[in-house]
Protein backbone atom coordinates (compact mmCIF):
# COMPACT_ATOMS: atom_id res chain seq x y z
CA MET A 1 -36.91 -38.55 82.81
CA THR A 2 -38.50 -35.24 83.63
CA PRO A 3 -42.02 -34.89 82.03
CA ALA A 4 -42.27 -32.40 79.22
CA GLY A 5 -43.58 -28.93 80.12
CA THR A 6 -42.36 -28.94 83.74
CA GLY A 7 -40.25 -25.92 83.03
CA ARG A 8 -37.06 -27.35 84.36
CA ALA A 9 -34.35 -24.87 83.41
CA GLY A 10 -32.01 -26.10 80.67
CA THR A 11 -34.26 -28.91 79.35
CA TRP A 12 -36.00 -28.64 75.98
CA ASP A 13 -39.50 -30.19 75.86
CA ALA A 14 -38.84 -31.55 72.37
CA ALA A 15 -36.43 -31.53 69.55
CA LEU A 16 -36.46 -32.26 65.83
CA VAL A 17 -33.53 -33.23 63.61
CA ALA A 18 -33.84 -32.48 59.85
CA ASP A 19 -31.77 -33.50 56.78
CA ASP A 20 -31.20 -29.76 55.85
CA LEU A 21 -31.74 -26.33 57.17
CA THR A 22 -34.83 -25.40 55.27
CA GLY A 23 -36.46 -28.61 56.22
CA ALA A 24 -35.69 -28.01 59.85
CA GLY A 25 -37.32 -24.53 59.65
CA ASP A 26 -40.27 -25.74 57.76
CA SER A 27 -41.04 -28.29 60.41
CA ALA A 28 -40.12 -26.11 63.33
CA VAL A 29 -42.55 -23.47 62.24
CA ARG A 30 -45.36 -25.92 62.76
CA PHE A 31 -44.46 -25.89 66.49
CA ALA A 32 -44.04 -22.15 66.55
CA ASP A 33 -47.56 -21.74 65.14
CA GLY A 34 -48.82 -23.97 67.83
CA GLY A 35 -47.44 -21.75 70.62
CA TRP A 36 -44.12 -23.42 71.24
CA ARG A 37 -41.04 -21.25 71.89
CA THR A 38 -39.10 -22.58 68.84
CA VAL A 39 -35.32 -22.13 68.15
CA LEU A 40 -33.72 -23.26 64.91
CA ALA A 41 -30.11 -23.79 66.05
CA VAL A 42 -26.97 -23.91 64.01
CA GLY A 43 -24.16 -26.19 65.03
CA ALA A 44 -23.87 -29.68 66.54
CA GLY A 45 -23.38 -28.44 70.07
CA ALA A 46 -26.75 -26.78 70.29
CA ALA A 47 -28.33 -29.53 72.26
CA SER A 48 -26.46 -28.45 75.39
CA SER A 49 -27.80 -24.87 75.17
CA PRO A 50 -30.26 -23.80 77.85
CA ALA A 51 -33.95 -23.96 76.82
CA PRO A 52 -36.35 -21.09 77.19
CA VAL A 53 -38.61 -21.95 80.21
CA GLU A 54 -41.50 -19.39 79.84
CA ARG A 55 -43.45 -21.96 77.80
CA PRO A 56 -42.97 -25.34 76.12
CA SER A 57 -39.85 -25.18 73.93
CA LEU A 58 -38.65 -26.96 70.73
CA LEU A 59 -35.12 -27.09 69.51
CA ALA A 60 -34.73 -27.71 65.77
CA LEU A 61 -31.40 -28.83 64.27
CA SER A 62 -30.09 -29.49 60.76
CA ALA A 63 -27.93 -32.53 60.29
CA ASP A 64 -27.07 -31.27 56.81
CA VAL A 65 -26.94 -34.78 55.29
CA ARG A 66 -29.39 -34.74 52.44
CA ALA A 67 -26.62 -35.33 49.83
CA ALA A 68 -24.25 -37.16 52.17
CA ALA A 69 -22.98 -40.67 51.63
CA PRO A 70 -25.00 -43.23 53.65
CA GLY A 71 -22.21 -43.98 56.20
CA THR A 72 -21.69 -40.25 56.92
CA ALA A 73 -25.45 -39.65 57.17
CA ARG A 74 -25.90 -42.48 59.61
CA GLU A 75 -22.97 -41.31 61.81
CA VAL A 76 -24.12 -37.71 61.89
CA LEU A 77 -27.64 -38.75 62.92
CA ARG A 78 -26.16 -40.90 65.58
CA GLN A 79 -24.30 -37.91 66.95
CA ARG A 80 -27.29 -35.57 66.97
CA PHE A 81 -29.51 -38.07 68.61
CA ARG A 82 -26.68 -38.98 71.14
CA ALA A 83 -26.46 -35.33 72.19
CA LEU A 84 -30.15 -34.79 72.43
CA LEU A 85 -30.76 -37.89 74.51
CA ALA A 86 -27.82 -37.05 76.76
CA ALA A 87 -29.37 -33.56 77.35
CA GLY A 88 -32.58 -35.24 78.56
CA VAL A 89 -34.87 -34.17 75.76
CA PRO A 90 -37.92 -36.35 76.22
CA ARG A 91 -39.50 -36.23 72.66
CA LEU A 92 -37.62 -36.41 69.43
CA TYR A 93 -38.81 -35.98 65.79
CA LEU A 94 -36.85 -36.96 62.66
CA LYS A 95 -37.62 -34.78 59.74
CA VAL A 96 -36.93 -36.13 56.26
CA ASP A 97 -37.64 -34.81 52.82
CA SER A 98 -41.27 -35.09 51.90
CA THR A 99 -40.21 -36.51 48.52
CA LEU A 100 -37.59 -38.75 50.12
CA ARG A 101 -34.60 -37.21 48.46
CA GLY A 102 -31.22 -38.06 49.82
CA SER A 103 -29.92 -40.54 52.44
CA VAL A 104 -33.31 -41.26 54.10
CA ALA A 105 -32.71 -44.85 54.97
CA ALA A 106 -29.24 -44.02 56.52
CA GLN A 107 -30.82 -41.13 58.48
CA VAL A 108 -33.45 -43.43 59.97
CA ALA A 109 -30.93 -46.12 60.73
CA GLY A 110 -28.67 -43.56 62.58
CA ALA A 111 -31.47 -42.23 64.64
CA LEU A 112 -32.68 -45.62 65.59
CA ASP A 113 -29.16 -46.67 66.54
CA LEU A 114 -29.43 -44.24 69.52
CA TRP A 115 -33.14 -44.48 70.03
CA THR A 116 -32.99 -48.22 70.60
CA ASP A 117 -29.95 -47.85 72.94
CA VAL A 118 -32.29 -45.97 75.29
CA ARG A 119 -35.49 -47.85 74.41
CA PRO A 120 -34.56 -51.46 73.28
CA ASP A 121 -38.15 -51.99 72.14
CA GLY A 122 -38.27 -48.75 70.21
CA PHE A 123 -39.17 -48.37 66.56
CA ALA A 124 -39.55 -45.75 63.81
CA VAL A 125 -42.88 -44.82 62.27
CA VAL A 126 -42.22 -43.40 58.87
CA CYS A 127 -44.84 -41.22 56.95
CA PRO A 128 -43.37 -38.46 54.69
CA ALA A 129 -46.81 -37.24 53.59
CA TYR A 130 -47.50 -33.59 53.43
CA PRO A 131 -51.05 -33.33 51.71
CA ALA A 132 -51.13 -29.63 51.95
CA MET A 133 -48.20 -29.55 49.48
CA GLY A 134 -49.54 -32.36 47.31
CA ARG A 135 -47.31 -35.05 48.93
CA THR A 136 -49.18 -38.27 49.81
CA VAL A 137 -48.41 -41.88 50.62
CA GLU A 138 -50.89 -44.42 49.12
CA GLN A 139 -50.51 -48.15 48.95
CA GLY A 140 -47.00 -47.89 50.07
CA ARG A 141 -45.98 -45.45 47.40
CA ALA A 142 -44.98 -41.77 47.76
CA LEU A 143 -46.71 -39.43 45.25
CA VAL A 144 -46.61 -35.74 44.35
CA ASP A 145 -49.90 -34.58 43.12
CA GLY A 146 -50.83 -38.09 42.25
CA VAL A 147 -47.55 -38.80 40.34
CA PRO A 148 -44.95 -41.31 41.49
CA LEU A 149 -41.69 -39.68 42.80
CA GLU A 150 -39.60 -41.02 40.00
CA ARG A 151 -41.85 -39.34 37.44
CA ALA A 152 -42.11 -36.12 39.39
CA ALA A 153 -39.52 -33.36 39.80
CA ALA A 154 -37.86 -35.34 42.65
CA GLY A 155 -36.82 -37.94 40.00
CA ALA A 156 -34.94 -35.35 37.99
CA ASP A 157 -33.35 -33.70 41.04
CA PRO A 158 -29.75 -32.77 39.90
CA VAL A 159 -28.22 -33.71 43.35
CA THR A 160 -30.33 -36.34 44.84
CA PRO A 161 -32.67 -37.88 42.29
CA VAL A 162 -35.30 -40.33 43.57
CA LEU A 163 -35.45 -43.41 41.47
CA THR A 164 -38.48 -45.12 43.00
CA SER A 165 -41.70 -44.18 44.81
CA VAL A 166 -41.92 -47.50 46.72
CA LEU A 167 -41.18 -46.99 50.36
CA ALA A 168 -40.16 -50.56 50.81
CA GLU A 169 -37.34 -50.00 48.22
CA LEU A 170 -36.31 -46.65 49.60
CA LEU A 171 -36.25 -48.06 53.15
CA PRO A 172 -34.95 -51.69 52.81
CA GLY A 173 -36.09 -53.96 55.65
CA SER A 174 -39.17 -51.62 56.49
CA ARG A 175 -42.58 -53.07 56.93
CA ARG A 176 -45.74 -51.38 55.78
CA VAL A 177 -48.44 -51.32 58.47
CA VAL A 178 -52.16 -51.22 57.71
CA VAL A 179 -55.05 -51.58 60.04
CA ASP A 180 -56.93 -54.85 59.89
CA GLU A 181 -60.43 -54.04 58.58
CA GLU A 182 -61.99 -56.40 61.07
CA ASP A 183 -60.27 -54.39 63.85
CA ALA A 184 -61.20 -50.96 62.45
CA PRO A 185 -62.97 -50.57 59.08
CA VAL A 186 -61.98 -47.70 56.92
CA GLY A 187 -65.35 -45.86 57.50
CA ASP A 188 -68.84 -46.29 58.78
CA ALA A 189 -72.09 -45.79 56.99
CA ASP A 190 -71.63 -42.01 56.94
CA GLY A 191 -68.03 -42.20 55.75
CA GLU A 192 -66.55 -41.08 58.96
CA PRO A 193 -63.19 -42.82 59.94
CA VAL A 194 -63.72 -45.31 62.63
CA ASP A 195 -60.13 -45.11 63.75
CA ALA A 196 -60.06 -41.32 64.16
CA ASP A 197 -58.23 -41.51 67.41
CA GLY A 198 -55.51 -43.89 65.99
CA ALA A 199 -56.18 -46.62 68.46
CA ALA A 200 -56.40 -49.44 65.95
CA LEU A 201 -53.38 -48.20 64.00
CA ALA A 202 -51.45 -47.89 67.28
CA ARG A 203 -52.30 -51.58 68.06
CA SER A 204 -51.16 -52.59 64.57
CA LEU A 205 -47.78 -50.66 64.98
CA LEU A 206 -47.13 -52.24 68.45
CA ALA A 207 -47.92 -55.67 67.05
CA ALA A 208 -45.49 -55.17 64.21
CA ALA A 209 -42.78 -53.89 66.44
CA ASP A 210 -43.28 -56.76 68.88
CA GLY A 211 -42.74 -59.05 65.85
CA GLY A 212 -39.31 -57.67 65.35
CA ALA A 213 -39.94 -54.84 62.85
CA ARG A 214 -37.97 -51.61 63.58
CA VAL A 215 -38.96 -49.38 60.63
CA LEU A 216 -42.74 -49.22 60.00
CA THR A 217 -44.27 -47.27 57.19
CA VAL A 218 -47.80 -46.05 57.01
CA ASP A 219 -49.98 -44.42 54.33
CA ALA A 220 -51.58 -40.99 54.46
CA ALA A 221 -53.59 -39.74 51.53
CA ASP A 222 -55.00 -36.62 53.31
CA ASP A 223 -54.92 -34.56 56.37
CA ALA A 224 -57.38 -36.76 58.26
CA ALA A 225 -55.20 -39.78 57.65
CA LEU A 226 -52.07 -37.90 58.77
CA GLU A 227 -53.91 -36.85 61.96
CA ARG A 228 -54.73 -40.54 62.52
CA VAL A 229 -51.02 -41.46 62.13
CA ALA A 230 -49.93 -38.86 64.63
CA ARG A 231 -52.46 -39.95 67.13
CA ALA A 232 -51.36 -43.49 66.72
CA VAL A 233 -47.74 -42.52 67.30
CA ALA A 234 -48.71 -40.56 70.46
CA ARG A 235 -50.55 -43.68 71.78
CA CYS A 236 -47.40 -45.76 71.23
CA GLY A 237 -45.70 -43.51 73.81
CA ASP A 238 -41.90 -43.22 73.92
CA ARG A 239 -41.36 -46.50 71.99
CA ALA A 240 -42.32 -44.74 68.76
CA LEU A 241 -39.92 -42.36 66.98
CA PRO A 242 -41.94 -40.23 64.49
CA VAL A 243 -40.31 -39.80 61.05
CA GLY A 244 -41.84 -37.54 58.51
CA SER A 245 -41.93 -34.12 56.80
CA ALA A 246 -43.51 -30.92 58.03
CA GLY A 247 -46.86 -32.54 57.35
CA LEU A 248 -46.62 -35.03 60.32
CA ALA A 249 -44.83 -32.45 62.46
CA ASP A 250 -48.02 -30.25 62.53
CA PRO A 251 -50.29 -32.71 64.40
CA MET A 252 -47.40 -33.89 66.57
CA ALA A 253 -46.90 -30.26 67.77
CA ARG A 254 -50.47 -30.27 68.93
CA LEU A 255 -50.43 -33.75 70.44
CA TRP A 256 -47.14 -33.09 72.31
CA TRP A 257 -48.33 -29.85 73.87
CA PRO A 258 -47.96 -30.49 77.66
CA ALA A 259 -51.32 -30.69 79.47
CA GLY A 260 -52.11 -27.50 81.36
CA ALA A 261 -49.46 -25.33 79.61
CA ALA A 262 -50.84 -21.86 78.73
CA ARG A 263 -51.02 -20.80 75.03
CA ALA A 264 -48.85 -17.89 74.01
CA PRO A 265 -49.94 -15.13 71.79
CA ARG A 266 -48.76 -15.35 68.16
CA ARG A 267 -45.58 -13.25 67.40
CA ARG A 268 -45.17 -10.91 64.45
CA VAL A 269 -43.22 -12.34 61.53
CA GLU A 270 -42.49 -8.99 59.90
CA GLU A 271 -40.83 -5.98 61.45
CA ALA A 272 -40.37 -2.70 59.61
CA ARG A 273 -36.74 -2.27 58.71
CA GLU A 274 -34.71 -0.11 56.42
CA GLY A 275 -33.00 -1.44 53.32
CA PRO A 276 -33.72 -3.78 50.34
CA LEU A 277 -34.83 -7.28 50.55
CA LEU A 278 -32.07 -9.77 49.66
CA VAL A 279 -33.06 -13.12 48.18
CA LEU A 280 -30.38 -15.93 47.96
CA VAL A 281 -31.39 -18.84 45.71
CA THR A 282 -29.12 -21.80 45.56
CA SER A 283 -31.68 -24.58 44.87
CA LEU A 284 -31.64 -25.99 41.28
CA HIS A 285 -35.22 -27.40 41.72
CA PRO A 286 -37.49 -26.58 38.76
CA VAL A 287 -40.02 -25.15 41.18
CA ALA A 288 -37.36 -22.69 42.46
CA ARG A 289 -36.36 -21.70 38.91
CA GLU A 290 -39.97 -20.93 38.02
CA GLN A 291 -40.49 -18.97 41.15
CA VAL A 292 -37.42 -16.82 40.35
CA GLU A 293 -38.71 -16.13 36.91
CA ARG A 294 -42.00 -15.05 38.34
CA LEU A 295 -40.30 -12.84 40.96
CA ALA A 296 -38.05 -11.26 38.21
CA GLY A 297 -41.15 -9.64 36.71
CA ARG A 298 -41.90 -7.63 39.94
CA ALA A 299 -41.28 -3.92 39.70
CA GLY A 300 -38.22 -2.79 41.66
CA THR A 301 -36.63 -6.31 41.50
CA VAL A 302 -33.23 -7.04 40.10
CA VAL A 303 -32.02 -10.61 39.43
CA VAL A 304 -28.24 -11.22 39.56
CA ARG A 305 -27.08 -14.67 38.32
CA HIS A 306 -24.33 -16.21 40.39
CA PRO A 307 -22.24 -18.29 38.08
CA ASP A 308 -21.13 -21.86 38.82
CA ALA A 309 -17.58 -20.73 39.31
CA ASP A 310 -14.92 -20.28 42.08
CA GLY A 311 -14.94 -17.20 44.19
CA ASP A 312 -17.49 -14.57 45.13
CA GLU A 313 -15.63 -12.15 42.91
CA ALA A 314 -17.26 -13.94 39.99
CA VAL A 315 -20.54 -12.24 40.72
CA GLU A 316 -20.82 -8.88 39.09
CA VAL A 317 -23.46 -6.64 40.63
CA PRO A 318 -25.11 -4.25 38.08
CA PRO A 319 -25.55 -0.57 39.02
CA GLU A 320 -29.40 -0.89 38.97
CA ALA A 321 -29.15 -3.37 41.92
CA LEU A 322 -27.88 -0.52 44.09
CA ALA A 323 -31.26 1.26 44.05
CA ALA A 324 -33.54 -1.80 43.80
CA ASP A 325 -36.14 -2.78 46.41
CA VAL A 326 -35.38 -6.47 46.00
CA VAL A 327 -32.07 -8.02 44.85
CA VAL A 328 -32.09 -11.68 43.99
CA LEU A 329 -29.00 -13.86 43.69
CA ALA A 330 -29.94 -16.90 41.65
CA PRO A 331 -28.15 -19.66 39.85
CA GLN A 332 -27.34 -19.52 36.21
CA ARG A 333 -30.05 -20.74 33.94
CA PRO A 334 -29.46 -24.38 32.70
CA GLY A 335 -26.90 -24.42 29.93
CA HIS A 336 -25.22 -21.12 31.12
CA GLY A 337 -22.50 -20.21 33.46
CA GLY A 338 -19.10 -21.86 34.20
CA PRO A 339 -18.04 -25.38 34.93
CA SER A 340 -20.21 -27.34 37.36
CA ARG A 341 -19.11 -27.67 40.94
CA ASP A 342 -20.49 -29.48 43.94
CA ALA A 343 -23.56 -27.86 45.52
CA ALA A 344 -21.74 -26.95 48.81
CA ALA A 345 -19.04 -25.08 46.96
CA VAL A 346 -21.57 -23.10 44.97
CA ALA A 347 -23.64 -22.33 48.02
CA THR A 348 -20.59 -21.06 49.80
CA SER A 349 -19.65 -18.78 46.93
CA ALA A 350 -23.20 -17.50 46.46
CA ALA A 351 -23.48 -16.79 50.19
CA ALA A 352 -20.21 -14.82 50.09
CA ALA A 353 -21.71 -12.73 47.30
CA LEU A 354 -24.88 -12.02 49.25
CA ASP A 355 -22.78 -10.99 52.22
CA ARG A 356 -21.04 -8.42 50.11
CA LEU A 357 -24.29 -7.04 49.06
CA HIS A 358 -25.56 -6.90 52.62
CA ARG A 359 -22.38 -5.05 53.80
CA ARG A 360 -22.80 -2.53 51.08
CA LEU A 361 -26.60 -1.99 51.04
CA GLY A 362 -27.83 -3.30 54.34
CA ALA A 363 -31.03 -5.38 54.22
CA SER A 364 -34.44 -5.20 55.64
CA ALA A 365 -34.67 -9.00 55.44
CA VAL A 366 -33.12 -12.00 53.71
CA VAL A 367 -34.86 -14.85 52.16
CA ALA A 368 -32.91 -18.12 51.46
CA VAL A 369 -34.20 -20.57 48.89
CA GLY A 370 -32.38 -23.86 49.32
CA GLY A 371 -31.05 -25.39 52.42
CA ASP A 372 -27.44 -25.39 51.38
CA GLY A 373 -27.33 -21.63 50.72
CA ALA A 374 -29.15 -20.87 53.98
CA ALA A 375 -26.67 -22.95 55.94
CA ALA A 376 -23.68 -21.29 54.15
CA LEU A 377 -24.97 -17.86 54.89
CA LEU A 378 -25.61 -18.46 58.52
CA GLU A 379 -22.25 -20.00 58.88
CA ARG A 380 -20.56 -17.06 57.22
CA TRP A 381 -22.37 -14.61 59.50
CA GLY A 382 -21.64 -16.60 62.70
CA ALA A 383 -25.29 -16.94 63.54
CA THR A 384 -26.12 -19.52 66.14
CA GLY A 385 -29.75 -19.93 65.17
CA LEU A 386 -33.10 -18.47 64.18
CA ASP A 387 -35.72 -17.46 66.71
CA VAL A 388 -38.73 -18.73 64.70
CA HIS A 389 -41.77 -16.40 64.81
CA GLY A 390 -44.03 -18.11 62.37
CA ALA A 391 -44.62 -18.67 58.66
CA LEU A 392 -44.83 -16.20 55.74
CA ALA A 393 -46.43 -18.97 53.62
CA ALA A 394 -46.74 -22.69 53.78
CA GLY A 395 -43.20 -24.05 53.96
CA VAL A 396 -41.62 -20.59 54.57
CA PRO A 397 -40.63 -20.10 58.18
CA ALA A 398 -39.43 -16.70 59.29
CA GLY A 399 -37.93 -15.06 62.45
CA ALA A 400 -34.94 -13.25 63.64
CA LEU A 401 -31.29 -14.41 63.50
CA VAL A 402 -29.56 -15.13 66.78
CA GLY A 403 -25.88 -14.52 67.30
CA GLY A 404 -23.22 -13.35 64.83
CA ARG A 405 -22.85 -10.21 63.01
CA ALA A 406 -26.35 -10.23 61.52
CA ALA A 407 -28.01 -10.79 64.83
CA GLY A 408 -31.64 -9.50 64.77
CA LEU A 409 -31.97 -9.53 61.03
CA ALA A 410 -35.30 -10.81 59.69
CA PHE A 411 -34.61 -14.11 57.93
CA ALA A 412 -36.77 -16.69 56.04
CA SER A 413 -36.08 -19.86 54.42
CA LYS A 414 -37.80 -22.00 51.82
CA ALA A 415 -37.10 -25.40 50.31
CA GLY A 416 -36.52 -25.11 46.64
CA GLY A 417 -39.28 -27.58 45.68
CA PHE A 418 -42.00 -26.03 47.81
CA GLY A 419 -44.91 -23.93 46.70
CA GLY A 420 -46.45 -22.79 43.52
CA PRO A 421 -45.02 -20.44 40.89
CA SER A 422 -46.00 -17.29 42.92
CA THR A 423 -44.92 -18.42 46.32
CA LEU A 424 -41.65 -16.60 46.46
CA LEU A 425 -43.25 -13.39 44.94
CA ASP A 426 -45.95 -13.61 47.69
CA VAL A 427 -43.33 -13.84 50.39
CA VAL A 428 -41.34 -10.93 49.11
CA ASP A 429 -44.55 -8.85 48.72
CA ARG A 430 -45.43 -9.59 52.34
CA LEU A 431 -41.96 -8.57 53.60
CA ALA A 432 -41.82 -5.58 51.30
CA GLY A 433 -44.95 -4.26 53.07
CA ALA A 434 -43.06 -4.08 56.26
CA ARG A 435 -40.10 -2.06 54.81
CA ARG A 436 -39.25 1.44 55.70
CA PRO A 437 -37.91 3.75 52.99
CA ARG A 438 -34.15 3.50 52.93
CA ALA A 439 -31.41 6.09 52.60
CA ALA A 440 -29.60 6.66 49.32
CA PRO A 441 -27.14 3.77 48.43
CA ARG A 442 -23.77 4.08 50.04
């Protein structure tokens, strides 16, 4: 296998596969921030696309399986990993939801099916922690701001509720790995971690794998612990498949950077454009609802509710939206709207409504909140991917659309459950600062 960073035409240096589009973007931006040329691609055939060769490159893909049945999720992950391994990608990362929503066990199983075909002694190291977002793993349990998943917002998720925070129950057959204190105590007299380089944890992981375990889970309560996990994974070489959220992707991007490769200058996320900002919200997460309510109070912002009903014609655009700086298409408030339908159908309808607005008003940028809506919109526009420039905020990757009839349009995505009450408002304000005054509405 060709070493990463050699610049061989057509070979990506690394790839990540995520359970949904916003998750793929959120993790991919960690690589973009580290200097990687990063492309978030749409479509299963993206693995065969040629890689940029001017610097180390990452291909990010969405498997779109968060709400899929286990059998479907496992097969889709097999297909994605088969294509990437066949294309000669040397390093792979499986991105799962930081609160373990959806078909996580099936995703890991599908990825391992192909990983162990190539590396019979391979194993997965699972750590969904993202301390910067309050997601931690402690004593084998996943927490959000110290609260077990089943008692946090993830437990009440309307599409993929999480009923337990115990990783051993969410990943049946997995084994929790801890470092033997005799091998590497937690800290020395000054409180500094003895295993900062991950050597002891790597030995424990390899021992567990040599004993027959194939899915290994590890704790991480803070960024230092997560760095230790990443270093241990790197020490395990190509036997270990890292599985985590954007939290673990951050140190892996640094550790996978090819030796001797030059660092590239950071790229601008914003570019001045004419037109309103369009925001598509399809997430039903309580955090997303709160962020929309906060954004609704911004001067020059109009919120249009897309009802839970068939057809984009169901969305009525008020006249004031035609002159607004920011137009938000958001779900009906709980208890309002038409009959409930599946998330994919609602996302498709909402994306069609936003497309109508874009054709009428144009847009300086689009922000999608919720992976299903982002995927539906890119599919409608025929986009082949997103050239990721960086992040507008933690968990909000942005760049320019590639391919299709909206090519070049500034685009950002955000998972519904990420951020605080003002995150969406802050993102909109940052993008609005790059807007040019637009012509009168057509």
